């Protein structure tokens, strides 16, 4: 399933799809990003939204470059390979 190709989705939905496509477990992602399995699981199941810092750490652990873009229309990588689509859900909160 490639929901991320069809418009805006939540960070948790995107992350679940990304892990499935890459055949990476939540435990492996937690190890790479420096978070607990529980924290990654809560993000994937949308029980919590990641802080921007947490989102950045997760994205970097998956090999993505993190950049905040104020206006989505000005985002040059909007639909190119190796970029993350616009995501809802990054907040100032930190997962437990």
PDB file of N, CA and C in Angstrom:
ATOM      1  N   UNK A   1       0.850  -1.182   0.000  1.00  0.00           N
ATOM      2  CA  UNK A   1       0.000   0.000   0.000  1.00  0.00           C
ATOM      3  C   UNK A   1       0.892   1.240   0.000  1.00  0.00           C
ATOM      4  N   UNK A   2       0.617   2.165  -0.871  1.00  0.00           N
ATOM      5  CA  UNK A   2       1.443   3.359  -0.983  1.00  0.00           C
ATOM      6  C   UNK A   2       0.597   4.596  -0.754  1.00  0.00           C
ATOM      7  N   UNK A   3       0.071   4.743   0.452  1.00  0.00           N
ATOM      8  CA  UNK A   3      -0.773   5.897   0.783  1.00  0.00           C
ATOM      9  C   UNK A   3      -0.016   7.201   0.626  1.00  0.00           C
ATOM     10  N   UNK A   4       1.297   7.179   0.848  1.00  0.00           N
ATOM     11  CA  UNK A   4       2.059   8.423   0.828  1.00  0.00           C
ATOM     12  C   UNK A   4       2.101   9.077  -0.545  1.00  0.00           C
ATOM     13  N   UNK A   5       1.729   8.351  -1.588  1.00  0.00           N
ATOM     14  CA  UNK A   5       1.715   8.934  -2.924  1.00  0.00           C
ATOM     15  C   UNK A   5       0.414   9.687  -3.209  1.00  0.00           C
ATOM     16  N   UNK A   6      -0.554   9.583  -2.340  1.00  0.00           N
ATOM     17  CA  UNK A   6      -1.881  10.123  -2.621  1.00  0.00           C
ATOM     18  C   UNK A   6      -2.254  11.290  -1.724  1.00  0.00           C
ATOM     19  N   UNK A   7      -1.365  12.218  -1.530  1.00  0.00           N
ATOM     20  CA  UNK A   7      -1.694  13.419  -0.780  1.00  0.00           C
ATOM     21  C   UNK A   7      -1.210  13.374   0.653  1.00  0.00           C
ATOM     22  N   UNK A   8      -1.755  14.242   1.451  1.00  0.00           N
ATOM     23  CA  UNK A   8      -1.307  14.435   2.824  1.00  0.00           C
ATOM     24  C   UNK A   8      -1.774  13.300   3.729  1.00  0.00           C
ATOM     25  N   UNK A   9      -0.835  12.746   4.492  1.00  0.00           N
ATOM     26  CA  UNK A   9      -1.150  11.710   5.465  1.00  0.00           C
ATOM     27  C   UNK A   9      -0.458  12.076   6.766  1.00  0.00           C
ATOM     28  N   UNK A  10      -0.793  11.369   7.820  1.00  0.00           N
ATOM     29  CA  UNK A  10      -0.161  11.648   9.107  1.00  0.00           C
ATOM     30  C   UNK A  10       1.249  11.072   9.142  1.00  0.00           C
ATOM     31  N   UNK A  11       2.046  11.584  10.057  1.00  0.00           N
ATOM     32  CA  UNK A  11       3.408  11.077  10.212  1.00  0.00           C
ATOM     33  C   UNK A  11       3.378   9.597  10.566  1.00  0.00           C
ATOM     34  N   UNK A  12       2.474   9.210  11.473  1.00  0.00           N
ATOM     35  CA  UNK A  12       2.371   7.805  11.871  1.00  0.00           C
ATOM     36  C   UNK A  12       2.032   6.882  10.708  1.00  0.00           C
ATOM     37  N   UNK A  13       1.083   7.298   9.862  1.00  0.00           N
ATOM     38  CA  UNK A  13       0.722   6.502   8.687  1.00  0.00           C
ATOM     39  C   UNK A  13       1.905   6.376   7.738  1.00  0.00           C
ATOM     40  N   UNK A  14       2.560   7.507   7.478  1.00  0.00           N
ATOM     41  CA  UNK A  14       3.718   7.497   6.584  1.00  0.00           C
ATOM     42  C   UNK A  14       4.807   6.586   7.138  1.00  0.00           C
ATOM     43  N   UNK A  15       5.058   6.701   8.446  1.00  0.00           N
ATOM     44  CA  UNK A  15       6.124   5.914   9.061  1.00  0.00           C
ATOM     45  C   UNK A  15       5.820   4.421   8.967  1.00  0.00           C
ATOM     46  N   UNK A  16       4.599   4.030   9.216  1.00  0.00           N
ATOM     47  CA  UNK A  16       4.231   2.615   9.088  1.00  0.00           C
ATOM     48  C   UNK A  16       4.490   2.111   7.670  1.00  0.00           C
ATOM     49  N   UNK A  17       4.059   2.891   6.678  1.00  0.00           N
ATOM     50  CA  UNK A  17       4.289   2.511   5.278  1.00  0.00           C
ATOM     51  C   UNK A  17       5.779   2.413   4.971  1.00  0.00           C
ATOM     52  N   UNK A  18       6.536   3.379   5.446  1.00  0.00           N
ATOM     53  CA  UNK A  18       7.981   3.416   5.183  1.00  0.00           C
ATOM     54  C   UNK A  18       8.671   2.195   5.784  1.00  0.00           C
ATOM     55  N   UNK A  19       8.331   1.862   7.021  1.00  0.00           N
ATOM     56  CA  UNK A  19       8.939   0.701   7.667  1.00  0.00           C
ATOM     57  C   UNK A  19       8.571  -0.581   6.924  1.00  0.00           C
ATOM     58  N   UNK A  20       7.324  -0.701   6.514  1.00  0.00           N
ATOM     59  CA  UNK A  20       6.873  -1.880   5.782  1.00  0.00           C
ATOM     60  C   UNK A  20       7.638  -2.012   4.458  1.00  0.00           C
ATOM     61  N   UNK A  21       7.743  -0.907   3.717  1.00  0.00           N
ATOM     62  CA  UNK A  21       8.435  -0.944   2.422  1.00  0.00           C
ATOM     63  C   UNK A  21       9.908  -1.288   2.570  1.00  0.00           C
ATOM     64  N   UNK A  22      10.528  -0.790   3.626  1.00  0.00           N
ATOM     65  CA  UNK A  22      11.962  -1.033   3.832  1.00  0.00           C
ATOM     66  C   UNK A  22      12.245  -2.315   4.607  1.00  0.00           C
ATOM     67  N   UNK A  23      11.177  -2.971   5.070  1.00  0.00           N
ATOM     68  CA  UNK A  23      11.299  -4.184   5.879  1.00  0.00           C
ATOM     69  C   UNK A  23      12.147  -3.927   7.123  1.00  0.00           C
ATOM     70  N   UNK A  24      11.828  -2.830   7.807  1.00  0.00           N
ATOM     71  CA  UNK A  24      12.487  -2.450   9.056  1.00  0.00           C
ATOM     72  C   UNK A  24      11.461  -2.583  10.172  1.00  0.00           C
ATOM     73  N   UNK A  25      11.845  -3.200  11.257  1.00  0.00           N
ATOM     74  CA  UNK A  25      10.928  -3.325  12.391  1.00  0.00           C
ATOM     75  C   UNK A  25      10.910  -2.034  13.202  1.00  0.00           C
ATOM     76  N   UNK A  26       9.873  -1.879  13.982  1.00  0.00           N
ATOM     77  CA  UNK A  26       9.810  -0.734  14.881  1.00  0.00           C
ATOM     78  C   UNK A  26      10.969  -0.788  15.876  1.00  0.00           C
ATOM     79  N   UNK A  27      11.332  -1.979  16.316  1.00  0.00           N
ATOM     80  CA  UNK A  27      12.453  -2.125  17.250  1.00  0.00           C
ATOM     81  C   UNK A  27      13.765  -1.645  16.621  1.00  0.00           C
ATOM     82  N   UNK A  28      13.989  -1.990  15.360  1.00  0.00           N
ATOM     83  CA  UNK A  28      15.203  -1.543  14.670  1.00  0.00           C
ATOM     84  C   UNK A  28      15.208  -0.030  14.506  1.00  0.00           C
ATOM     85  N   UNK A  29      14.066   0.537  14.134  1.00  0.00           N
ATOM     86  CA  UNK A  29      13.986   1.995  14.011  1.00  0.00           C
ATOM     87  C   UNK A  29      14.259   2.660  15.354  1.00  0.00           C
ATOM     88  N   UNK A  30      13.688   2.135  16.416  1.00  0.00           N
ATOM     89  CA  UNK A  30      13.909   2.697  17.751  1.00  0.00           C
ATOM     90  C   UNK A  30      15.402   2.695  18.088  1.00  0.00           C
ATOM     91  N   UNK A  31      16.072   1.586  17.791  1.00  0.00           N
ATOM     92  CA  UNK A  31      17.514   1.496  18.059  1.00  0.00           C
ATOM     93  C   UNK A  31      18.284   2.533  17.258  1.00  0.00           C
ATOM     94  N   UNK A  32      17.977   2.630  15.955  1.00  0.00           N
ATOM     95  CA  UNK A  32      18.679   3.579  15.078  1.00  0.00           C
ATOM     96  C   UNK A  32      18.457   5.028  15.501  1.00  0.00           C
ATOM     97  N   UNK A  33      17.223   5.348  15.879  1.00  0.00           N
ATOM     98  CA  UNK A  33      16.870   6.742  16.188  1.00  0.00           C
ATOM     99  C   UNK A  33      17.166   7.114  17.634  1.00  0.00           C
ATOM    100  N   UNK A  34      17.431   6.125  18.483  1.00  0.00           N
ATOM    101  CA  UNK A  34      17.736   6.411  19.880  1.00  0.00           C
ATOM    102  C   UNK A  34      16.497   6.606  20.741  1.00  0.00           C
ATOM    103  N   UNK A  35      15.414   5.925  20.391  1.00  0.00           N
ATOM    104  CA  UNK A  35      14.172   6.009  21.158  1.00  0.00           C
ATOM    105  C   UNK A  35      13.770   4.624  21.616  1.00  0.00           C
ATOM    106  N   UNK A  36      12.792   4.571  22.507  1.00  0.00           N
ATOM    107  CA  UNK A  36      12.293   3.279  22.965  1.00  0.00           C
ATOM    108  C   UNK A  36      11.333   2.706  21.929  1.00  0.00           C
ATOM    109  N   UNK A  37      11.176   1.401  21.964  1.00  0.00           N
ATOM    110  CA  UNK A  37      10.205   0.745  21.104  1.00  0.00           C
ATOM    111  C   UNK A  37       8.810   1.289  21.392  1.00  0.00           C
ATOM    112  N   UNK A  38       8.515   1.516  22.654  1.00  0.00           N
ATOM    113  CA  UNK A  38       7.196   2.043  23.029  1.00  0.00           C
ATOM    114  C   UNK A  38       6.943   3.399  22.374  1.00  0.00           C
ATOM    115  N   UNK A  39       7.932   4.276  22.370  1.00  0.00           N
ATOM    116  CA  UNK A  39       7.762   5.603  21.766  1.00  0.00           C
ATOM    117  C   UNK A  39       7.496   5.483  20.261  1.00  0.00           C
ATOM    118  N   UNK A  40       8.260   4.648  19.578  1.00  0.00           N
ATOM    119  CA  UNK A  40       8.059   4.456  18.136  1.00  0.00           C
ATOM    120  C   UNK A  40       6.692   3.846  17.867  1.00  0.00           C
ATOM    121  N   UNK A  41       6.302   2.862  18.664  1.00  0.00           N
ATOM    122  CA  UNK A  41       5.008   2.228  18.502  1.00  0.00           C
ATOM    123  C   UNK A  41       3.866   3.229  18.696  1.00  0.00           C
ATOM    124  N   UNK A  42       3.983   4.092  19.685  1.00  0.00           N
ATOM    125  CA  UNK A  42       2.934   5.097  19.938  1.00  0.00           C
ATOM    126  C   UNK A  42       2.818   6.075  18.766  1.00  0.00           C
ATOM    127  N   UNK A  43       3.926   6.424  18.149  1.00  0.00           N
ATOM    128  CA  UNK A  43       3.896   7.312  16.976  1.00  0.00           C
ATOM    129  C   UNK A  43       3.239   6.587  15.795  1.00  0.00           C
ATOM    130  N   UNK A  44       3.648   5.343  15.546  1.00  0.00           N
ATOM    131  CA  UNK A  44       3.090   4.575  14.424  1.00  0.00           C
ATOM    132  C   UNK A  44       1.585   4.365  14.572  1.00  0.00           C
ATOM    133  N   UNK A  45       1.139   4.142  15.790  1.00  0.00           N
ATOM    134  CA  UNK A  45      -0.291   3.908  16.026  1.00  0.00           C
ATOM    135  C   UNK A  45      -1.064   5.208  16.240  1.00  0.00           C
ATOM    136  N   UNK A  46      -0.369   6.336  16.121  1.00  0.00           N
ATOM    137  CA  UNK A  46      -0.961   7.669  16.251  1.00  0.00           C
ATOM    138  C   UNK A  46      -1.576   7.923  17.624  1.00  0.00           C
ATOM    139  N   UNK A  47      -0.967   7.331  18.655  1.00  0.00           N
ATOM    140  CA  UNK A  47      -1.372   7.619  20.023  1.00  0.00           C
ATOM    141  C   UNK A  47      -0.725   8.911  20.499  1.00  0.00           C
ATOM    142  N   UNK A  48       0.336   9.305  19.793  1.00  0.00           N
ATOM    143  CA  UNK A  48       1.021  10.562  20.064  1.00  0.00           C
ATOM    144  C   UNK A  48       1.623  11.062  18.752  1.00  0.00           C
ATOM    145  N   UNK A  49       1.859  12.359  18.709  1.00  0.00           N
ATOM    146  CA  UNK A  49       2.536  12.948  17.556  1.00  0.00           C
ATOM    147  C   UNK A  49       3.963  13.275  17.961  1.00  0.00           C
ATOM    148  N   UNK A  50       4.920  13.078  17.059  1.00  0.00           N
ATOM    149  CA  UNK A  50       6.309  13.355  17.426  1.00  0.00           C
ATOM    150  C   UNK A  50       6.574  14.857  17.503  1.00  0.00           C
ATOM    151  N   UNK A  51       7.491  15.218  18.372  1.00  0.00           N
ATOM    152  CA  UNK A  51       7.988  16.596  18.349  1.00  0.00           C
ATOM    153  C   UNK A  51       8.780  16.766  17.056  1.00  0.00           C
ATOM    154  N   UNK A  52       9.075  17.989  16.696  1.00  0.00           N
ATOM    155  CA  UNK A  52       9.889  18.208  15.492  1.00  0.00           C
ATOM    156  C   UNK A  52      11.256  17.552  15.642  1.00  0.00           C
ATOM    157  N   UNK A  53      11.821  17.614  16.844  1.00  0.00           N
ATOM    158  CA  UNK A  53      13.121  16.987  17.087  1.00  0.00           C
ATOM    159  C   UNK A  53      13.033  15.471  16.891  1.00  0.00           C
ATOM    160  N   UNK A  54      11.990  14.861  17.450  1.00  0.00           N
ATOM    161  CA  UNK A  54      11.814  13.417  17.303  1.00  0.00           C
ATOM    162  C   UNK A  54      11.605  13.040  15.844  1.00  0.00           C
ATOM    163  N   UNK A  55      10.777  13.799  15.136  1.00  0.00           N
ATOM    164  CA  UNK A  55      10.561  13.540  13.703  1.00  0.00           C
ATOM    165  C   UNK A  55      11.882  13.629  12.951  1.00  0.00           C
ATOM    166  N   UNK A  56      12.682  14.632  13.287  1.00  0.00           N
ATOM    167  CA  UNK A  56      13.985  14.786  12.629  1.00  0.00           C
ATOM    168  C   UNK A  56      14.882  13.578  12.895  1.00  0.00           C
ATOM    169  N   UNK A  57      14.925  13.117  14.133  1.00  0.00           N
ATOM    170  CA  UNK A  57      15.776  11.972  14.466  1.00  0.00           C
ATOM    171  C   UNK A  57      15.311  10.710  13.729  1.00  0.00           C
ATOM    172  N   UNK A  58      13.999  10.518  13.650  1.00  0.00           N
ATOM    173  CA  UNK A  58      13.461   9.356  12.936  1.00  0.00           C
ATOM    174  C   UNK A  58      13.788   9.452  11.450  1.00  0.00           C
ATOM    175  N   UNK A  59      13.545  10.612  10.868  1.00  0.00           N
ATOM    176  CA  UNK A  59      13.818  10.795   9.436  1.00  0.00           C
ATOM    177  C   UNK A  59      15.297  10.598   9.123  1.00  0.00           C
ATOM    178  N   UNK A  60      16.168  11.168   9.941  1.00  0.00           N
ATOM    179  CA  UNK A  60      17.604  11.008   9.710  1.00  0.00           C
ATOM    180  C   UNK A  60      18.024   9.548   9.847  1.00  0.00           C
ATOM    181  N   UNK A  61      17.426   8.828  10.781  1.00  0.00           N
ATOM    182  CA  UNK A  61      17.781   7.413  10.957  1.00  0.00           C
ATOM    183  C   UNK A  61      17.343   6.575   9.757  1.00  0.00           C
ATOM    184  N   UNK A  62      16.395   7.104   8.971  1.00  0.00           N
ATOM    185  CA  UNK A  62      15.953   6.430   7.750  1.00  0.00           C
ATOM    186  C   UNK A  62      16.653   6.981   6.509  1.00  0.00           C
ATOM    187  N   UNK A  63      17.574   7.926   6.704  1.00  0.00           N
ATOM    188  CA  UNK A  63      18.359   8.450   5.591  1.00  0.00           C
ATOM    189  C   UNK A  63      17.765   9.669   4.906  1.00  0.00           C
ATOM    190  N   UNK A  64      16.754  10.290   5.512  1.00  0.00           N
ATOM    191  CA  UNK A  64      16.149  11.482   4.933  1.00  0.00           C
ATOM    192  C   UNK A  64      16.780  12.743   5.507  1.00  0.00           C
ATOM    193  N   UNK A  65      16.736  13.801   4.742  1.00  0.00           N
ATOM    194  CA  UNK A  65      17.171  15.122   5.200  1.00  0.00           C
ATOM    195  C   UNK A  65      15.931  15.821   5.735  1.00  0.00           C
ATOM    196  N   UNK A  66      16.051  16.438   6.893  1.00  0.00           N
ATOM    197  CA  UNK A  66      14.923  17.119   7.534  1.00  0.00           C
ATOM    198  C   UNK A  66      14.990  18.607   7.237  1.00  0.00           C
ATOM    199  N   UNK A  67      13.894  19.146   6.749  1.00  0.00           N
ATOM    200  CA  UNK A  67      13.829  20.574   6.467  1.00  0.00           C
ATOM    201  C   UNK A  67      12.402  21.053   6.683  1.00  0.00           C
ATOM    202  N   UNK A  68      12.250  22.156   7.378  1.00  0.00           N
ATOM    203  CA  UNK A  68      10.930  22.748   7.584  1.00  0.00           C
ATOM    204  C   UNK A  68      10.689  23.735   6.458  1.00  0.00           C
ATOM    205  N   UNK A  69       9.577  23.578   5.780  1.00  0.00           N
ATOM    206  CA  UNK A  69       9.216  24.460   4.668  1.00  0.00           C
ATOM    207  C   UNK A  69       7.936  25.180   5.049  1.00  0.00           C
ATOM    208  N   UNK A  70       7.987  26.501   5.034  1.00  0.00           N
ATOM    209  CA  UNK A  70       6.829  27.284   5.460  1.00  0.00           C
ATOM    210  C   UNK A  70       5.663  27.181   4.489  1.00  0.00           C
ATOM    211  N   UNK A  71       5.937  27.184   3.200  1.00  0.00           N
ATOM    212  CA  UNK A  71       4.887  27.160   2.193  1.00  0.00           C
ATOM    213  C   UNK A  71       5.070  25.929   1.327  1.00  0.00           C
ATOM    214  N   UNK A  72       4.164  24.981   1.464  1.00  0.00           N
ATOM    215  CA  UNK A  72       4.256  23.713   0.740  1.00  0.00           C
ATOM    216  C   UNK A  72       4.384  23.908  -0.766  1.00  0.00           C
ATOM    217  N   UNK A  73       3.777  24.955  -1.310  1.00  0.00           N
ATOM    218  CA  UNK A  73       3.846  25.196  -2.752  1.00  0.00           C
ATOM    219  C   UNK A  73       5.255  25.541  -3.211  1.00  0.00           C
ATOM    220  N   UNK A  74       6.103  26.008  -2.284  1.00  0.00           N
ATOM    221  CA  UNK A  74       7.472  26.376  -2.633  1.00  0.00           C
ATOM    222  C   UNK A  74       8.449  25.223  -2.393  1.00  0.00           C
ATOM    223  N   UNK A  75       7.927  24.084  -2.007  1.00  0.00           N
ATOM    224  CA  UNK A  75       8.765  22.936  -1.687  1.00  0.00           C
ATOM    225  C   UNK A  75       9.251  22.287  -2.968  1.00  0.00           C
ATOM    226  N   UNK A  76      10.541  22.411  -3.296  1.00  0.00           N
ATOM    227  CA  UNK A  76      11.044  21.917  -4.585  1.00  0.00           C
ATOM    228  C   UNK A  76      10.995  20.403  -4.726  1.00  0.00           C
ATOM    229  N   UNK A  77      11.042  19.656  -3.634  1.00  0.00           N
ATOM    230  CA  UNK A  77      11.068  18.200  -3.725  1.00  0.00           C
ATOM    231  C   UNK A  77       9.718  17.560  -3.546  1.00  0.00           C
ATOM    232  N   UNK A  78       8.660  18.292  -3.790  1.00  0.00           N
ATOM    233  CA  UNK A  78       7.315  17.843  -3.449  1.00  0.00           C
ATOM    234  C   UNK A  78       6.968  16.446  -3.944  1.00  0.00           C
ATOM    235  N   UNK A  79       7.365  16.070  -5.085  1.00  0.00           N
ATOM    236  CA  UNK A  79       7.013  14.748  -5.600  1.00  0.00           C
ATOM    237  C   UNK A  79       8.211  14.062  -6.248  1.00  0.00           C
ATOM    238  N   UNK A  80       9.387  14.201  -5.661  1.00  0.00           N
ATOM    239  CA  UNK A  80      10.564  13.556  -6.235  1.00  0.00           C
ATOM    240  C   UNK A  80      11.001  12.393  -5.362  1.00  0.00           C
ATOM    241  N   UNK A  81      11.755  11.519  -5.923  1.00  0.00           N
ATOM    242  CA  UNK A  81      12.242  10.342  -5.217  1.00  0.00           C
ATOM    243  C   UNK A  81      13.133  10.752  -4.043  1.00  0.00           C
ATOM    244  N   UNK A  82      12.980  10.064  -2.921  1.00  0.00           N
ATOM    245  CA  UNK A  82      13.834  10.318  -1.764  1.00  0.00           C
ATOM    246  C   UNK A  82      13.379  11.465  -0.896  1.00  0.00           C
ATOM    247  N   UNK A  83      12.178  11.969  -1.112  1.00  0.00           N
ATOM    248  CA  UNK A  83      11.656  13.033  -0.269  1.00  0.00           C
ATOM    249  C   UNK A  83      10.411  12.544   0.450  1.00  0.00           C
ATOM    250  N   UNK A  84      10.113  13.188   1.539  1.00  0.00           N
ATOM    251  CA  UNK A  84       8.956  12.835   2.346  1.00  0.00           C
ATOM    252  C   UNK A  84       7.813  13.762   1.963  1.00  0.00           C
ATOM    253  N   UNK A  85       6.614  13.233   1.787  1.00  0.00           N
ATOM    254  CA  UNK A  85       5.488  14.095   1.423  1.00  0.00           C
ATOM    255  C   UNK A  85       5.096  14.995   2.585  1.00  0.00           C
ATOM    256  N   UNK A  86       4.305  16.030   2.337  1.00  0.00           N
ATOM    257  CA  UNK A  86       3.820  16.861   3.436  1.00  0.00           C
ATOM    258  C   UNK A  86       3.094  15.992   4.450  1.00  0.00           C
ATOM    259  N   UNK A  87       3.432  16.157   5.718  1.00  0.00           N
ATOM    260  CA  UNK A  87       2.875  15.306   6.774  1.00  0.00           C
ATOM    261  C   UNK A  87       2.170  16.139   7.823  1.00  0.00           C
ATOM    262  N   UNK A  88       1.067  15.633   8.321  1.00  0.00           N
ATOM    263  CA  UNK A  88       0.396  16.246   9.458  1.00  0.00           C
ATOM    264  C   UNK A  88       0.966  15.616  10.726  1.00  0.00           C
ATOM    265  N   UNK A  89       0.922  16.355  11.818  1.00  0.00           N
ATOM    266  CA  UNK A  89       1.123  15.711  13.101  1.00  0.00           C
ATOM    267  C   UNK A  89       2.399  15.995  13.849  1.00  0.00           C
ATOM    268  N   UNK A  90       3.358  16.709  13.336  1.00  0.00           N
ATOM    269  CA  UNK A  90       4.553  17.011  14.128  1.00  0.00           C
ATOM    270  C   UNK A  90       4.189  18.153  15.067  1.00  0.00           C
ATOM    271  N   UNK A  91       4.475  17.962  16.340  1.00  0.00           N
ATOM    272  CA  UNK A  91       4.101  18.932  17.367  1.00  0.00           C
ATOM    273  C   UNK A  91       5.283  19.242  18.263  1.00  0.00           C
ATOM    274  N   UNK A  92       5.059  20.032  19.258  1.00  0.00           N
ATOM    275  CA  UNK A  92       6.086  20.339  20.228  1.00  0.00           C
ATOM    276  C   UNK A  92       6.165  19.317  21.337  1.00  0.00           C
ATOM    277  N   UNK A  93       5.325  18.280  21.292  1.00  0.00           N
ATOM    278  CA  UNK A  93       5.312  17.266  22.346  1.00  0.00           C
ATOM    279  C   UNK A  93       6.368  16.207  22.102  1.00  0.00           C
ATOM    280  N   UNK A  94       6.843  15.611  23.157  1.00  0.00           N
ATOM    281  CA  UNK A  94       7.816  14.531  23.065  1.00  0.00           C
ATOM    282  C   UNK A  94       7.122  13.222  23.417  1.00  0.00           C
ATOM    283  N   UNK A  95       7.347  12.138  22.665  1.00  0.00           N
ATOM    284  CA  UNK A  95       6.701  10.881  22.983  1.00  0.00           C
ATOM    285  C   UNK A  95       7.210  10.334  24.301  1.00  0.00           C
ATOM    286  N   UNK A  96       6.390   9.558  24.957  1.00  0.00           N
ATOM    287  CA  UNK A  96       6.770   8.955  26.262  1.00  0.00           C
ATOM    288  C   UNK A  96       7.811   7.882  26.084  1.00  0.00           C
TER     289      UNK A  96
END
